[in-house]
PDB file of N, CA and C in Angstrom:
ATOM      1  N   MET A   1    -172.628  14.867 -12.865  1.00  0.00           N
ATOM      2  CA  MET A   1    -171.670  15.935 -12.857  1.00  0.00           C
ATOM      3  C   MET A   1    -170.628  15.659 -13.931  1.00  0.00           C
ATOM      4  N   GLN A   2    -170.404  16.674 -14.738  1.00  0.00           N
ATOM      5  CA  GLN A   2    -169.403  16.520 -15.794  1.00  0.00           C
ATOM      6  C   GLN A   2    -168.122  17.244 -15.398  1.00  0.00           C
ATOM      7  N   ILE A   3    -167.007  16.599 -15.676  1.00  0.00           N
ATOM      8  CA  ILE A   3    -165.697  17.190 -15.439  1.00  0.00           C
ATOM      9  C   ILE A   3    -164.932  17.121 -16.750  1.00  0.00           C
ATOM     10  N   ILE A   4    -164.397  18.256 -17.159  1.00  0.00           N
ATOM     11  CA  ILE A   4    -163.647  18.301 -18.410  1.00  0.00           C
ATOM     12  C   ILE A   4    -162.315  19.020 -18.182  1.00  0.00           C
ATOM     13  N   PRO A   5    -161.308  18.702 -18.991  1.00  0.00           N
ATOM     14  CA  PRO A   5    -160.039  19.425 -18.881  1.00  0.00           C
ATOM     15  C   PRO A   5    -160.139  20.804 -19.540  1.00  0.00           C
ATOM     16  N   MET A   6    -159.288  21.695 -19.116  1.00  0.00           N
ATOM     17  CA  MET A   6    -159.280  23.076 -19.617  1.00  0.00           C
ATOM     18  C   MET A   6    -159.198  23.131 -21.140  1.00  0.00           C
ATOM     19  N   ARG A   7    -158.447  22.249 -21.738  1.00  0.00           N
ATOM     20  CA  ARG A   7    -158.264  22.295 -23.195  1.00  0.00           C
ATOM     21  C   ARG A   7    -159.576  22.099 -23.953  1.00  0.00           C
ATOM     22  N   ASP A   8    -160.566  21.444 -23.333  1.00  0.00           N
ATOM     23  CA  ASP A   8    -161.855  21.233 -23.988  1.00  0.00           C
ATOM     24  C   ASP A   8    -162.701  22.500 -24.086  1.00  0.00           C
ATOM     25  N   LEU A   9    -162.301  23.562 -23.405  1.00  0.00           N
ATOM     26  CA  LEU A   9    -163.060  24.804 -23.473  1.00  0.00           C
ATOM     27  C   LEU A   9    -162.977  25.465 -24.844  1.00  0.00           C
ATOM     28  N   LYS A  10    -162.058  25.017 -25.669  1.00  0.00           N
ATOM     29  CA  LYS A  10    -161.923  25.569 -27.014  1.00  0.00           C
ATOM     30  C   LYS A  10    -163.169  25.340 -27.843  1.00  0.00           C
ATOM     31  N   ASN A  11    -163.863  24.240 -27.590  1.00  0.00           N
ATOM     32  CA  ASN A  11    -165.064  23.901 -28.347  1.00  0.00           C
ATOM     33  C   ASN A  11    -166.283  24.480 -27.621  1.00  0.00           C
ATOM     34  N   THR A  12    -166.499  25.786 -27.786  1.00  0.00           N
ATOM     35  CA  THR A  12    -167.550  26.468 -27.032  1.00  0.00           C
ATOM     36  C   THR A  12    -168.952  25.969 -27.369  1.00  0.00           C
ATOM     37  N   LYS A  13    -169.177  25.596 -28.610  1.00  0.00           N
ATOM     38  CA  LYS A  13    -170.502  25.095 -28.998  1.00  0.00           C
ATOM     39  C   LYS A  13    -170.821  23.806 -28.245  1.00  0.00           C
ATOM     40  N   ASP A  14    -169.858  22.908 -28.151  1.00  0.00           N
ATOM     41  CA  ASP A  14    -170.045  21.653 -27.422  1.00  0.00           C
ATOM     42  C   ASP A  14    -170.297  21.921 -25.938  1.00  0.00           C
ATOM     43  N   ILE A  15    -169.554  22.849 -25.362  1.00  0.00           N
ATOM     44  CA  ILE A  15    -169.728  23.181 -23.943  1.00  0.00           C
ATOM     45  C   ILE A  15    -171.127  23.749 -23.709  1.00  0.00           C
ATOM     46  N   GLU A  16    -171.556  24.630 -24.595  1.00  0.00           N
ATOM     47  CA  GLU A  16    -172.895  25.210 -24.471  1.00  0.00           C
ATOM     48  C   GLU A  16    -173.971  24.129 -24.533  1.00  0.00           C
ATOM     49  N   GLN A  17    -173.835  23.184 -25.450  1.00  0.00           N
ATOM     50  CA  GLN A  17    -174.799  22.093 -25.575  1.00  0.00           C
ATOM     51  C   GLN A  17    -174.779  21.199 -24.343  1.00  0.00           C
ATOM     52  N   ARG A  18    -173.606  20.924 -23.817  1.00  0.00           N
ATOM     53  CA  ARG A  18    -173.507  20.102 -22.597  1.00  0.00           C
ATOM     54  C   ARG A  18    -174.199  20.778 -21.423  1.00  0.00           C
ATOM     55  N   CYS A  19    -173.973  22.078 -21.274  1.00  0.00           N
ATOM     56  CA  CYS A  19    -174.603  22.823 -20.175  1.00  0.00           C
ATOM     57  C   CYS A  19    -176.123  22.754 -20.285  1.00  0.00           C
ATOM     58  N   ALA A  20    -176.646  22.931 -21.483  1.00  0.00           N
ATOM     59  CA  ALA A  20    -178.090  22.889 -21.690  1.00  0.00           C
ATOM     60  C   ALA A  20    -178.638  21.490 -21.411  1.00  0.00           C
ATOM     61  N   LYS A  21    -177.923  20.479 -21.864  1.00  0.00           N
ATOM     62  CA  LYS A  21    -178.378  19.095 -21.688  1.00  0.00           C
ATOM     63  C   LYS A  21    -178.331  18.679 -20.222  1.00  0.00           C
ATOM     64  N   GLU A  22    -177.255  18.995 -19.541  1.00  0.00           N
ATOM     65  CA  GLU A  22    -177.079  18.606 -18.142  1.00  0.00           C
ATOM     66  C   GLU A  22    -177.957  19.421 -17.197  1.00  0.00           C
ATOM     67  N   ASN A  23    -178.269  20.668 -17.610  1.00  0.00           N
ATOM     68  CA  ASN A  23    -178.978  21.603 -16.749  1.00  0.00           C
ATOM     69  C   ASN A  23    -178.279  21.713 -15.393  1.00  0.00           C
ATOM     70  N   GLY A  24    -176.978  21.825 -15.474  1.00  0.00           N
ATOM     71  CA  GLY A  24    -176.170  21.947 -14.280  1.00  0.00           C
ATOM     72  C   GLY A  24    -174.771  22.374 -14.661  1.00  0.00           C
ATOM     73  N   PRO A  25    -173.904  22.527 -13.679  1.00  0.00           N
ATOM     74  CA  PRO A  25    -172.565  23.016 -13.961  1.00  0.00           C
ATOM     75  C   PRO A  25    -171.650  21.954 -14.559  1.00  0.00           C
ATOM     76  N   ILE A  26    -170.656  22.435 -15.267  1.00  0.00           N
ATOM     77  CA  ILE A  26    -169.577  21.591 -15.772  1.00  0.00           C
ATOM     78  C   ILE A  26    -168.312  22.061 -15.068  1.00  0.00           C
ATOM     79  N   TYR A  27    -167.611  21.149 -14.452  1.00  0.00           N
ATOM     80  CA  TYR A  27    -166.387  21.477 -13.721  1.00  0.00           C
ATOM     81  C   TYR A  27    -165.206  21.345 -14.664  1.00  0.00           C
ATOM     82  N   VAL A  28    -164.375  22.362 -14.668  1.00  0.00           N
ATOM     83  CA  VAL A  28    -163.220  22.406 -15.562  1.00  0.00           C
ATOM     84  C   VAL A  28    -161.956  22.256 -14.714  1.00  0.00           C
ATOM     85  N   THR A  29    -161.094  21.335 -15.140  1.00  0.00           N
ATOM     86  CA  THR A  29    -159.861  21.100 -14.400  1.00  0.00           C
ATOM     87  C   THR A  29    -158.653  21.606 -15.174  1.00  0.00           C
ATOM     88  N   LYS A  30    -157.628  21.943 -14.422  1.00  0.00           N
ATOM     89  CA  LYS A  30    -156.348  22.345 -14.998  1.00  0.00           C
ATOM     90  C   LYS A  30    -155.282  21.596 -14.218  1.00  0.00           C
ATOM     91  N   ASN A  31    -154.498  20.810 -14.949  1.00  0.00           N
ATOM     92  CA  ASN A  31    -153.471  19.974 -14.324  1.00  0.00           C
ATOM     93  C   ASN A  31    -154.058  19.048 -13.256  1.00  0.00           C
ATOM     94  N   GLY A  32    -155.284  18.581 -13.496  1.00  0.00           N
ATOM     95  CA  GLY A  32    -155.913  17.618 -12.597  1.00  0.00           C
ATOM     96  C   GLY A  32    -156.628  18.217 -11.401  1.00  0.00           C
ATOM     97  N   TYR A  33    -156.631  19.533 -11.284  1.00  0.00           N
ATOM     98  CA  TYR A  33    -157.277  20.200 -10.155  1.00  0.00           C
ATOM     99  C   TYR A  33    -158.404  21.104 -10.635  1.00  0.00           C
ATOM    100  N   GLY A  34    -159.414  21.273  -9.808  1.00  0.00           N
ATOM    101  CA  GLY A  34    -160.528  22.140 -10.158  1.00  0.00           C
ATOM    102  C   GLY A  34    -160.058  23.564 -10.414  1.00  0.00           C
ATOM    103  N   SER A  35    -160.576  24.164 -11.471  1.00  0.00           N
ATOM    104  CA  SER A  35    -160.161  25.509 -11.836  1.00  0.00           C
ATOM    105  C   SER A  35    -161.355  26.433 -12.091  1.00  0.00           C
ATOM    106  N   LEU A  36    -162.353  25.949 -12.832  1.00  0.00           N
ATOM    107  CA  LEU A  36    -163.504  26.756 -13.217  1.00  0.00           C
ATOM    108  C   LEU A  36    -164.784  25.945 -13.138  1.00  0.00           C
ATOM    109  N   VAL A  37    -165.895  26.659 -13.133  1.00  0.00           N
ATOM    110  CA  VAL A  37    -167.209  26.042 -13.274  1.00  0.00           C
ATOM    111  C   VAL A  37    -167.926  26.797 -14.377  1.00  0.00           C
ATOM    112  N   VAL A  38    -168.502  26.067 -15.319  1.00  0.00           N
ATOM    113  CA  VAL A  38    -169.237  26.661 -16.429  1.00  0.00           C
ATOM    114  C   VAL A  38    -170.685  26.194 -16.330  1.00  0.00           C
ATOM    115  N   MET A  39    -171.623  27.143 -16.492  1.00  0.00           N
ATOM    116  CA  MET A  39    -173.041  26.773 -16.463  1.00  0.00           C
ATOM    117  C   MET A  39    -173.818  27.705 -17.381  1.00  0.00           C
ATOM    118  N   ASN A  40    -174.994  27.245 -17.807  1.00  0.00           N
ATOM    119  CA  ASN A  40    -175.798  28.127 -18.652  1.00  0.00           C
ATOM    120  C   ASN A  40    -176.523  29.145 -17.780  1.00  0.00           C
ATOM    121  N   ILE A  41    -176.990  30.186 -18.414  1.00  0.00           N
ATOM    122  CA  ILE A  41    -177.562  31.314 -17.676  1.00  0.00           C
ATOM    123  C   ILE A  41    -178.826  30.936 -16.916  1.00  0.00           C
ATOM    124  N   ASP A  42    -179.646  30.043 -17.456  1.00  0.00           N
ATOM    125  CA  ASP A  42    -180.866  29.619 -16.755  1.00  0.00           C
ATOM    126  C   ASP A  42    -180.527  28.947 -15.429  1.00  0.00           C
ATOM    127  N   TYR A  43    -179.559  28.035 -15.464  1.00  0.00           N
ATOM    128  CA  TYR A  43    -179.145  27.346 -14.240  1.00  0.00           C
ATOM    129  C   TYR A  43    -178.562  28.343 -13.242  1.00  0.00           C
ATOM    130  N   TYR A  44    -177.762  29.270 -13.728  1.00  0.00           N
ATOM    131  CA  TYR A  44    -177.168  30.290 -12.865  1.00  0.00           C
ATOM    132  C   TYR A  44    -178.249  31.134 -12.189  1.00  0.00           C
ATOM    133  N   GLU A  45    -179.225  31.614 -12.973  1.00  0.00           N
ATOM    134  CA  GLU A  45    -180.283  32.450 -12.411  1.00  0.00           C
ATOM    135  C   GLU A  45    -181.122  31.693 -11.385  1.00  0.00           C
ATOM    136  N   LYS A  46    -181.433  30.427 -11.664  1.00  0.00           N
ATOM    137  CA  LYS A  46    -182.187  29.618 -10.702  1.00  0.00           C
ATOM    138  C   LYS A  46    -181.394  29.423  -9.418  1.00  0.00           C
ATOM    139  N   THR A  47    -180.103  29.177  -9.553  1.00  0.00           N
ATOM    140  CA  THR A  47    -179.250  28.980  -8.390  1.00  0.00           C
ATOM    141  C   THR A  47    -179.166  30.260  -7.558  1.00  0.00           C
ATOM    142  N   MET A  48    -178.996  31.396  -8.217  1.00  0.00           N
ATOM    143  CA  MET A  48    -178.922  32.664  -7.496  1.00  0.00           C
ATOM    144  C   MET A  48    -180.244  32.975  -6.803  1.00  0.00           C
ATOM    145  N   GLN A  49    -181.371  32.640  -7.421  1.00  0.00           N
ATOM    146  CA  GLN A  49    -182.679  32.855  -6.802  1.00  0.00           C
ATOM    147  C   GLN A  49    -182.817  31.999  -5.545  1.00  0.00           C
ATOM    148  N   LYS A  50    -182.373  30.754  -5.612  1.00  0.00           N
ATOM    149  CA  LYS A  50    -182.434  29.875  -4.436  1.00  0.00           C
ATOM    150  C   LYS A  50    -181.571  30.419  -3.302  1.00  0.00           C
ATOM    151  N   ILE A  51    -180.408  30.938  -3.639  1.00  0.00           N
ATOM    152  CA  ILE A  51    -179.527  31.515  -2.617  1.00  0.00           C
ATOM    153  C   ILE A  51    -180.195  32.723  -1.975  1.00  0.00           C
ATOM    154  N   TYR A  52    -180.793  33.571  -2.784  1.00  0.00           N
ATOM    155  CA  TYR A  52    -181.482  34.759  -2.275  1.00  0.00           C
ATOM    156  C   TYR A  52    -182.631  34.360  -1.339  1.00  0.00           C
ATOM    157  N   GLU A  53    -183.418  33.371  -1.746  1.00  0.00           N
ATOM    158  CA  GLU A  53    -184.538  32.921  -0.924  1.00  0.00           C
ATOM    159  C   GLU A  53    -184.047  32.314   0.382  1.00  0.00           C
ATOM    160  N   ALA A  54    -182.968  31.537   0.327  1.00  0.00           N
ATOM    161  CA  ALA A  54    -182.404  30.945   1.543  1.00  0.00           C
ATOM    162  C   ALA A  54    -181.908  32.036   2.489  1.00  0.00           C
ATOM    163  N   LYS A  55    -181.311  33.086   1.942  1.00  0.00           N
ATOM    164  CA  LYS A  55    -180.836  34.208   2.757  1.00  0.00           C
ATOM    165  C   LYS A  55    -182.004  34.877   3.473  1.00  0.00           C
ATOM    166  N   LEU A  56    -183.109  35.094   2.750  1.00  0.00           N
ATOM    167  CA  LEU A  56    -184.285  35.708   3.366  1.00  0.00           C
ATOM    168  C   LEU A  56    -184.848  34.826   4.476  1.00  0.00           C
ATOM    169  N   LEU A  57    -184.886  33.524   4.238  1.00  0.00           N
ATOM    170  CA  LEU A  57    -185.371  32.601   5.272  1.00  0.00           C
ATOM    171  C   LEU A  57    -184.485  32.647   6.506  1.00  0.00           C
ATOM    172  N   MET A  58    -183.179  32.663   6.304  1.00  0.00           N
ATOM    173  CA  MET A  58    -182.249  32.717   7.436  1.00  0.00           C
ATOM    174  C   MET A  58    -182.426  34.015   8.224  1.00  0.00           C
ATOM    175  N   GLU A  59    -182.639  35.128   7.521  1.00  0.00           N
ATOM    176  CA  GLU A  59    -182.881  36.402   8.208  1.00  0.00           C
ATOM    177  C   GLU A  59    -184.161  36.332   9.027  1.00  0.00           C
ATOM    178  N   GLY A  60    -185.197  35.716   8.466  1.00  0.00           N
ATOM    179  CA  GLY A  60    -186.458  35.565   9.186  1.00  0.00           C
ATOM    180  C   GLY A  60    -186.313  34.693  10.414  1.00  0.00           C
ATOM    181  N   LEU A  61    -185.583  33.594  10.275  1.00  0.00           N
ATOM    182  CA  LEU A  61    -185.358  32.708  11.424  1.00  0.00           C
ATOM    183  C   LEU A  61    -184.543  33.410  12.509  1.00  0.00           C
ATOM    184  N   THR A  62    -183.598  34.236  12.093  1.00  0.00           N
ATOM    185  CA  THR A  62    -182.813  35.009  13.063  1.00  0.00           C
ATOM    186  C   THR A  62    -183.706  36.001  13.797  1.00  0.00           C
ATOM    187  N   ASP A  63    -184.616  36.654  13.065  1.00  0.00           N
ATOM    188  CA  ASP A  63    -185.559  37.572  13.703  1.00  0.00           C
ATOM    189  C   ASP A  63    -186.413  36.841  14.736  1.00  0.00           C
ATOM    190  N   ILE A  64    -186.881  35.660  14.392  1.00  0.00           N
ATOM    191  CA  ILE A  64    -187.696  34.876  15.332  1.00  0.00           C
ATOM    192  C   ILE A  64    -186.867  34.506  16.557  1.00  0.00           C
ATOM    193  N   LYS A  65    -185.657  34.041  16.329  1.00  0.00           N
ATOM    194  CA  LYS A  65    -184.773  33.646  17.437  1.00  0.00           C
ATOM    195  C   LYS A  65    -184.505  34.823  18.368  1.00  0.00           C
ATOM    196  N   ASN A  66    -184.315  36.019  17.798  1.00  0.00           N
ATOM    197  CA  ASN A  66    -184.011  37.207  18.591  1.00  0.00           C
ATOM    198  C   ASN A  66    -185.258  37.944  19.065  1.00  0.00           C
ATOM    199  N   LYS A  67    -186.414  37.323  18.824  1.00  0.00           N
ATOM    200  CA  LYS A  67    -187.708  37.891  19.224  1.00  0.00           C
ATOM    201  C   LYS A  67    -187.897  39.301  18.653  1.00  0.00           C
ATOM    202  N   GLU A  68    -187.527  39.465  17.404  1.00  0.00           N
ATOM    203  CA  GLU A  68    -187.679  40.743  16.706  1.00  0.00           C
ATOM    204  C   GLU A  68    -188.824  40.657  15.701  1.00  0.00           C
ATOM    205  N   THR A  69    -189.975  40.231  16.200  1.00  0.00           N
ATOM    206  CA  THR A  69    -191.146  40.072  15.345  1.00  0.00           C
ATOM    207  C   THR A  69    -192.343  40.755  16.001  1.00  0.00           C
ATOM    208  N   VAL A  70    -193.370  40.995  15.203  1.00  0.00           N
ATOM    209  CA  VAL A  70    -194.647  41.488  15.716  1.00  0.00           C
ATOM    210  C   VAL A  70    -195.741  40.613  15.114  1.00  0.00           C
ATOM    211  N   ASN A  71    -196.880  40.572  15.774  1.00  0.00           N
ATOM    212  CA  ASN A  71    -197.960  39.757  15.226  1.00  0.00           C
ATOM    213  C   ASN A  71    -198.564  40.438  14.005  1.00  0.00           C
ATOM    214  N   GLY A  72    -199.329  39.703  13.247  1.00  0.00           N
ATOM    215  CA  GLY A  72    -199.860  40.180  11.978  1.00  0.00           C
ATOM    216  C   GLY A  72    -200.725  41.418  12.087  1.00  0.00           C
ATOM    217  N   SER A  73    -201.626  41.461  13.057  1.00  0.00           N
ATOM    218  CA  SER A  73    -202.524  42.619  13.172  1.00  0.00           C
ATOM    219  C   SER A  73    -201.747  43.875  13.554  1.00  0.00           C
ATOM    220  N   THR A  74    -200.743  43.742  14.400  1.00  0.00           N
ATOM    221  CA  THR A  74    -199.913  44.895  14.758  1.00  0.00           C
ATOM    222  C   THR A  74    -199.169  45.408  13.535  1.00  0.00           C
ATOM    223  N   ALA A  75    -198.609  44.500  12.747  1.00  0.00           N
ATOM    224  CA  ALA A  75    -197.879  44.897  11.540  1.00  0.00           C
ATOM    225  C   ALA A  75    -198.800  45.615  10.560  1.00  0.00           C
ATOM    226  N   LEU A  76    -199.992  45.074  10.350  1.00  0.00           N
ATOM    227  CA  LEU A  76    -200.947  45.713   9.439  1.00  0.00           C
ATOM    228  C   LEU A  76    -201.348  47.102   9.936  1.00  0.00           C
ATOM    229  N   ASN A  77    -201.614  47.226  11.233  1.00  0.00           N
ATOM    230  CA  ASN A  77    -201.989  48.531  11.783  1.00  0.00           C
ATOM    231  C   ASN A  77    -200.863  49.549  11.590  1.00  0.00           C
ATOM    232  N   GLU A  78    -199.626  49.129  11.769  1.00  0.00           N
ATOM    233  CA  GLU A  78    -198.492  50.034  11.560  1.00  0.00           C
ATOM    234  C   GLU A  78    -198.393  50.462  10.099  1.00  0.00           C
ATOM    235  N   ILE A  79    -198.606  49.541   9.182  1.00  0.00           N
ATOM    236  CA  ILE A  79    -198.548  49.857   7.749  1.00  0.00           C
ATOM    237  C   ILE A  79    -199.680  50.805   7.382  1.00  0.00           C
ATOM    238  N   TRP A  80    -200.883  50.507   7.869  1.00  0.00           N
ATOM    239  CA  TRP A  80    -202.032  51.357   7.560  1.00  0.00           C
ATOM    240  C   TRP A  80    -201.810  52.771   8.098  1.00  0.00           C
ATOM    241  N   SER A  81    -201.294  52.872   9.298  1.00  0.00           N
ATOM    242  CA  SER A  81    -201.033  54.194   9.889  1.00  0.00           C
ATOM    243  C   SER A  81    -199.972  54.936   9.107  1.00  0.00           C
ATOM    244  N   LYS A  82    -198.934  54.256   8.723  1.00  0.00           N
ATOM    245  CA  LYS A  82    -197.834  54.887   7.991  1.00  0.00           C
ATOM    246  C   LYS A  82    -198.309  55.484   6.680  1.00  0.00           C
ATOM    247  N   TYR A  83    -199.189  54.768   5.995  1.00  0.00           N
ATOM    248  CA  TYR A  83    -199.638  55.203   4.651  1.00  0.00           C
ATOM    249  C   TYR A  83    -201.037  55.837   4.662  1.00  0.00           C
ATOM    250  N   GLY A  84    -201.571  56.100   5.834  1.00  0.00           N
ATOM    251  CA  GLY A  84    -202.861  56.783   5.939  1.00  0.00           C
ATOM    252  C   GLY A  84    -204.024  55.978   5.407  1.00  0.00           C
ATOM    253  N   ILE A  85    -203.975  54.681   5.553  1.00  0.00           N
ATOM    254  CA  ILE A  85    -205.055  53.817   5.091  1.00  0.00           C
ATOM    255  C   ILE A  85    -205.997  53.555   6.268  1.00  0.00           C
ATOM    256  N   GLN A  86    -207.279  53.731   6.020  1.00  0.00           N
ATOM    257  CA  GLN A  86    -208.261  53.532   7.098  1.00  0.00           C
ATOM    258  C   GLN A  86    -208.733  52.113   7.159  1.00  0.00           C
TER     259      GLN A  86
END
């Protein structure tokens, strides 16, 4: 994990290279306290995808816990009926 002071943000080329090399976030401090996080777009997109997938898993686990599920053949029959598939 890299931590840099706010004043180092002036050198954008260096920050961009650090983000690519680290493949992770860079924490930016102001007056010794956390202020910003900088990351490259690839890392951001991967992180957002993981969050989305975790959200879907949590929704599925909640459905199971609340017994809001149907078995596979019932689900397929409902889909086939809805779309007129024989």
